[in-house]
Protein backbone atom coordinates (compact mmCIF):
# COMPACT_ATOMS: atom_id res chain seq x y z
CA MET A 1 184.78 85.70 44.52
CA SER A 2 185.35 82.96 42.01
CA TYR A 3 183.02 80.29 40.52
CA THR A 4 185.42 78.08 38.09
CA ASP A 5 185.14 74.85 39.15
CA LEU A 6 182.16 75.28 40.94
CA ALA A 7 180.53 75.70 38.10
CA LEU A 8 181.02 72.15 37.01
CA ILE A 9 178.85 70.92 39.90
CA TYR A 10 176.73 74.53 40.60
CA ASP A 11 173.56 72.83 39.19
CA ARG A 12 173.94 69.74 41.51
CA LEU A 13 174.26 72.06 44.39
CA MET A 14 171.12 74.04 43.31
CA GLU A 15 169.18 70.77 42.48
CA ASP A 16 166.39 71.35 45.08
CA ILE A 17 165.79 74.82 43.78
CA ASN A 18 162.04 74.78 41.98
CA TYR A 19 162.77 77.51 39.01
CA ASN A 20 159.40 77.16 37.77
CA GLN A 21 158.16 78.88 40.88
CA TRP A 22 160.95 81.20 40.59
CA VAL A 23 160.04 81.93 37.10
CA ASP A 24 156.16 82.13 37.70
CA TYR A 25 157.11 84.93 40.57
CA LEU A 26 159.28 86.93 38.41
CA ILE A 27 156.60 86.84 35.78
CA ARG A 28 153.90 87.91 38.11
CA GLN A 29 155.94 90.70 39.56
CA MET A 30 156.60 91.88 35.73
CA GLU A 31 152.80 91.66 34.83
CA ASN A 32 151.70 93.18 38.40
CA HIS A 33 154.07 96.10 38.04
CA GLN A 34 153.52 96.58 34.24
CA ALA A 35 156.78 95.93 32.57
CA PRO A 36 156.57 97.87 29.21
CA GLY A 37 157.40 94.63 27.36
CA LYS A 38 159.05 91.20 27.29
CA VAL A 39 162.54 91.76 26.62
CA VAL A 40 164.74 91.11 30.27
CA LEU A 41 168.30 91.14 30.72
CA ASP A 42 169.40 88.54 33.62
CA LEU A 43 172.16 89.78 35.67
CA GLY A 44 174.80 87.37 36.95
CA CYS A 45 172.94 84.63 35.37
CA GLY A 46 175.00 81.70 36.11
CA THR A 47 174.38 78.33 34.73
CA GLY A 48 171.54 80.02 32.88
CA SER A 49 168.39 78.23 34.58
CA ILE A 50 166.22 80.99 35.06
CA THR A 51 167.36 82.61 31.47
CA VAL A 52 166.10 79.38 29.84
CA ALA A 53 162.96 78.96 31.82
CA LEU A 54 161.94 82.79 31.10
CA THR A 55 163.03 82.15 27.43
CA GLN A 56 160.55 79.03 27.56
CA ARG A 57 157.96 81.35 28.62
CA GLY A 58 157.85 83.65 25.71
CA TYR A 59 160.42 86.10 27.22
CA LYS A 60 163.36 87.40 24.97
CA VAL A 61 166.27 87.10 27.60
CA THR A 62 169.68 87.83 27.42
CA GLY A 63 172.31 86.39 30.12
CA ILE A 64 175.11 88.16 31.59
CA ASP A 65 178.10 86.80 34.19
CA ILE A 66 181.22 87.88 34.88
CA SER A 67 182.13 83.98 35.23
CA PRO A 68 183.32 82.66 31.97
CA GLU A 69 182.89 78.94 33.35
CA MET A 70 179.74 79.64 34.32
CA LEU A 71 178.51 81.02 30.95
CA THR A 72 179.94 77.63 29.26
CA GLN A 73 177.19 75.56 31.38
CA ALA A 74 174.49 78.38 30.50
CA GLU A 75 175.22 77.97 26.76
CA GLN A 76 175.21 74.26 27.38
CA LYS A 77 172.01 74.14 28.89
CA ALA A 78 170.39 76.58 25.96
CA ARG A 79 171.74 73.95 23.45
CA VAL A 80 169.88 71.01 24.85
CA ALA A 81 166.76 72.92 25.60
CA GLY A 82 166.88 73.86 21.74
CA ILE A 83 166.75 77.72 22.16
CA THR A 84 169.30 80.39 21.45
CA ILE A 85 169.89 82.88 24.01
CA PRO A 86 172.92 85.43 23.57
CA PHE A 87 175.24 85.30 26.59
CA TYR A 88 178.05 87.70 27.46
CA GLN A 89 180.92 87.65 30.01
CA GLN A 90 180.73 91.18 31.80
CA ASP A 91 180.98 92.80 35.14
CA ILE A 92 177.83 93.85 36.25
CA ARG A 93 179.21 97.16 37.50
CA ASN A 94 180.33 98.49 34.31
CA LEU A 95 177.26 97.30 32.27
CA GLU A 96 177.29 97.93 28.48
CA LEU A 97 174.37 96.89 26.29
CA ASN A 98 173.35 97.50 22.92
CA PHE A 99 169.26 96.71 23.45
CA ARG A 100 167.25 98.43 25.92
CA PRO A 101 165.44 95.85 28.15
CA ASP A 102 162.18 96.06 29.51
CA ALA A 103 163.22 94.53 32.83
CA VAL A 104 166.37 93.54 34.81
CA ILE A 105 166.49 90.81 36.90
CA ALA A 106 169.17 89.70 39.16
CA THR A 107 168.41 86.85 41.56
CA PHE A 108 169.91 83.81 43.99
CA ASP A 109 171.76 87.11 45.92
CA THR A 110 173.76 88.30 43.16
CA LEU A 111 173.85 91.31 44.35
CA ASN A 112 175.29 90.45 47.84
CA TYR A 113 178.47 89.80 45.79
CA ILE A 114 178.58 93.92 44.90
CA LEU A 115 180.95 94.62 48.29
CA ASN A 116 180.75 98.13 48.90
CA GLU A 117 177.71 100.91 48.23
CA GLN A 118 179.67 102.72 45.55
CA ASP A 119 179.85 99.88 43.34
CA LEU A 120 176.49 98.91 44.29
CA ARG A 121 175.45 102.26 42.87
CA CYS A 122 177.34 101.96 39.57
CA VAL A 123 175.47 98.61 39.26
CA PHE A 124 172.22 100.60 39.62
CA GLU A 125 173.41 103.50 37.60
CA GLY A 126 174.15 100.86 34.46
CA VAL A 127 171.09 99.41 34.73
CA TYR A 128 168.87 102.71 34.83
CA ARG A 129 171.08 103.96 32.14
CA ASN A 130 170.04 100.79 29.76
CA LEU A 131 166.31 100.17 30.71
CA GLN A 132 163.58 101.35 28.78
CA GLU A 133 161.51 103.87 30.22
CA ASP A 134 159.28 102.81 32.62
CA GLY A 135 161.23 99.65 32.74
CA LEU A 136 161.81 97.30 35.95
CA LEU A 137 164.34 96.36 38.30
CA ILE A 138 163.42 93.21 40.15
CA PHE A 139 166.23 91.49 42.37
CA ASP A 140 166.62 89.53 45.59
CA LEU A 141 169.11 89.84 48.36
CA ASN A 142 170.47 87.52 51.29
CA THR A 143 169.52 89.41 54.47
CA GLN A 144 171.45 91.01 57.16
CA TYR A 145 169.63 88.17 59.38
CA LYS A 146 170.53 85.34 57.14
CA LEU A 147 174.36 86.59 56.62
CA LEU A 148 175.02 87.37 60.27
CA LYS A 149 172.60 84.84 62.06
CA VAL A 150 171.97 81.75 59.98
CA LEU A 151 175.34 81.70 58.22
CA GLY A 152 177.46 83.80 60.27
CA GLU A 153 180.17 81.53 62.11
CA ASN A 154 178.61 78.45 61.36
CA VAL A 155 180.11 75.26 59.79
CA PHE A 156 178.20 73.07 57.09
CA THR A 157 178.81 69.83 55.37
CA HIS A 158 177.26 67.79 52.72
CA ASN A 159 177.97 63.98 52.13
CA THR A 160 176.48 62.08 49.60
CA GLU A 161 178.21 59.16 47.17
CA ASP A 162 179.37 61.74 44.42
CA LEU A 163 179.88 65.08 46.31
CA VAL A 164 181.22 65.82 49.64
CA TYR A 165 181.84 69.67 50.56
CA ILE A 166 182.56 71.76 53.94
CA TRP A 167 181.41 74.93 53.94
CA GLU A 168 183.10 77.19 56.79
CA ASN A 169 181.48 80.76 57.17
CA SER A 170 183.02 83.92 59.34
CA PHE A 171 181.12 87.26 59.55
CA ASP A 172 183.25 90.64 59.28
CA TYR A 173 181.31 93.27 61.14
CA ASN A 174 183.54 96.11 60.04
CA SER A 175 182.82 95.77 56.43
CA ASN A 176 179.21 93.33 56.89
CA VAL A 177 180.71 90.72 54.78
CA CYS A 178 180.25 87.41 55.23
CA GLN A 179 182.97 85.14 54.20
CA MET A 180 182.26 81.32 52.66
CA ASP A 181 185.17 79.07 52.59
CA LEU A 182 184.28 75.96 50.80
CA SER A 183 186.13 73.03 49.78
CA PHE A 184 184.68 70.18 47.46
CA PHE A 185 185.50 66.65 47.04
CA ALA A 186 183.53 65.75 43.59
CA LEU A 187 183.79 62.19 42.09
CA GLU A 188 185.33 62.12 38.45
CA GLU A 189 183.38 59.59 36.31
CA LYS A 190 186.13 58.78 34.31
CA SER A 191 188.50 57.85 36.78
CA GLY A 192 186.43 57.00 39.80
CA LYS A 193 188.78 59.22 41.84
CA TYR A 194 187.66 62.30 44.06
CA LEU A 195 189.00 65.64 42.83
CA ARG A 196 189.43 68.32 45.59
CA PHE A 197 189.02 72.13 44.69
CA ASP A 198 188.61 75.20 47.06
CA GLU A 199 186.79 78.55 46.50
CA THR A 200 186.12 81.33 48.69
CA HIS A 201 183.05 83.41 48.22
CA LEU A 202 182.35 86.88 50.04
CA GLU A 203 178.53 88.52 50.37
CA ARG A 204 177.67 91.79 51.74
CA ALA A 205 174.67 92.40 54.06
CA TYR A 206 172.99 95.15 53.04
CA GLY A 207 170.03 96.73 55.05
CA GLU A 208 166.69 97.44 53.73
CA LYS A 209 166.78 101.10 54.33
CA GLU A 210 170.44 101.14 52.61
CA ILE A 211 169.06 99.72 49.33
CA ILE A 212 166.10 101.85 49.35
CA GLU A 213 168.31 105.08 49.66
CA ILE A 214 170.82 104.10 46.86
CA LEU A 215 168.02 103.17 44.17
CA THR A 216 166.46 106.55 45.00
CA LYS A 217 169.29 108.37 44.52
CA THR A 218 170.21 106.94 41.19
CA GLY A 219 166.65 107.65 39.99
CA PHE A 220 164.75 104.72 40.49
CA LYS A 221 161.14 104.73 42.09
CA LEU A 222 160.28 102.02 44.91
CA LEU A 223 157.63 99.95 44.02
CA GLY A 224 157.50 97.45 46.71
CA VAL A 225 159.78 95.21 48.91
CA TYR A 226 158.70 91.84 49.36
CA GLY A 227 159.30 88.71 51.29
CA GLU A 228 160.95 85.53 49.90
CA LEU A 229 158.84 84.43 46.64
CA THR A 230 155.88 86.18 48.36
CA PHE A 231 154.24 89.35 47.89
CA ASP A 232 153.88 90.39 51.43
CA PRO A 233 156.26 92.57 53.34
CA PRO A 234 158.95 90.72 54.63
CA MET A 235 158.86 89.33 58.18
CA GLN A 236 161.55 90.23 60.82
CA GLU A 237 163.91 86.86 60.46
CA GLU A 238 163.42 86.72 56.78
CA GLU A 239 166.48 85.36 54.97
CA ARG A 240 165.57 86.49 51.39
CA ILE A 241 164.03 89.51 50.16
CA PHE A 242 163.09 90.97 46.90
CA PHE A 243 163.05 94.72 46.02
CA VAL A 244 161.07 95.81 42.76
CA ALA A 245 161.92 99.28 41.35
CA ARG A 246 160.77 101.64 38.14
CA LYS A 247 162.73 103.63 35.87
CA CYS A 248 160.60 106.50 35.69
CA SER A 249 159.86 108.40 33.02
CA ILE A 250 161.48 112.35 32.51
């Protein structure tokens, strides 16, 4: 997995996302489940759209991502917004913090990039270890249905004046991993030429019961499983689901 050259055009690829809707949803989940405060850690923060928006809504947010290129974009976004946000490069499987967040969020299928149960348990253990007592973990996952049936063995293309990409997918039933091979042709403004770059991304399909078992073994109490940006249980062909769990007081 890499977000190197892709970091430069990531926000263009995500321009149809209603980030205010996502932030409204995250805030409602934190309020509904009574997060102990407004200190939030954004795992896999990417270019910082959620991080910045939550900060603008009065939360004290820190962003962590493994990609320095994505963090560069996030820092620039915060500067443009006129706010100061601490961003750190870390592998979320080895989480080290000097503060205790009241809530940890991981959005836009960050945890699908964790490709095996052992590593996912390391992520949950790190979050549990660093969270405040009664703190919340809120995250989403691309579902098995989406990775297998919607993406699966399919090919997608995008063609606009300044950006063309080809997105080829394959699904490995043995590992439950969807491989996404992407080729981009992006217009460089200065030269007027199209630059090509290629990236491969891997996402693991996890079952709902599988996730709940790992959360429970880590010490979390499951508070709810929801359909995408809803407060209802997931439908059978849901493409993205949300989990909310609490670090229980000893």
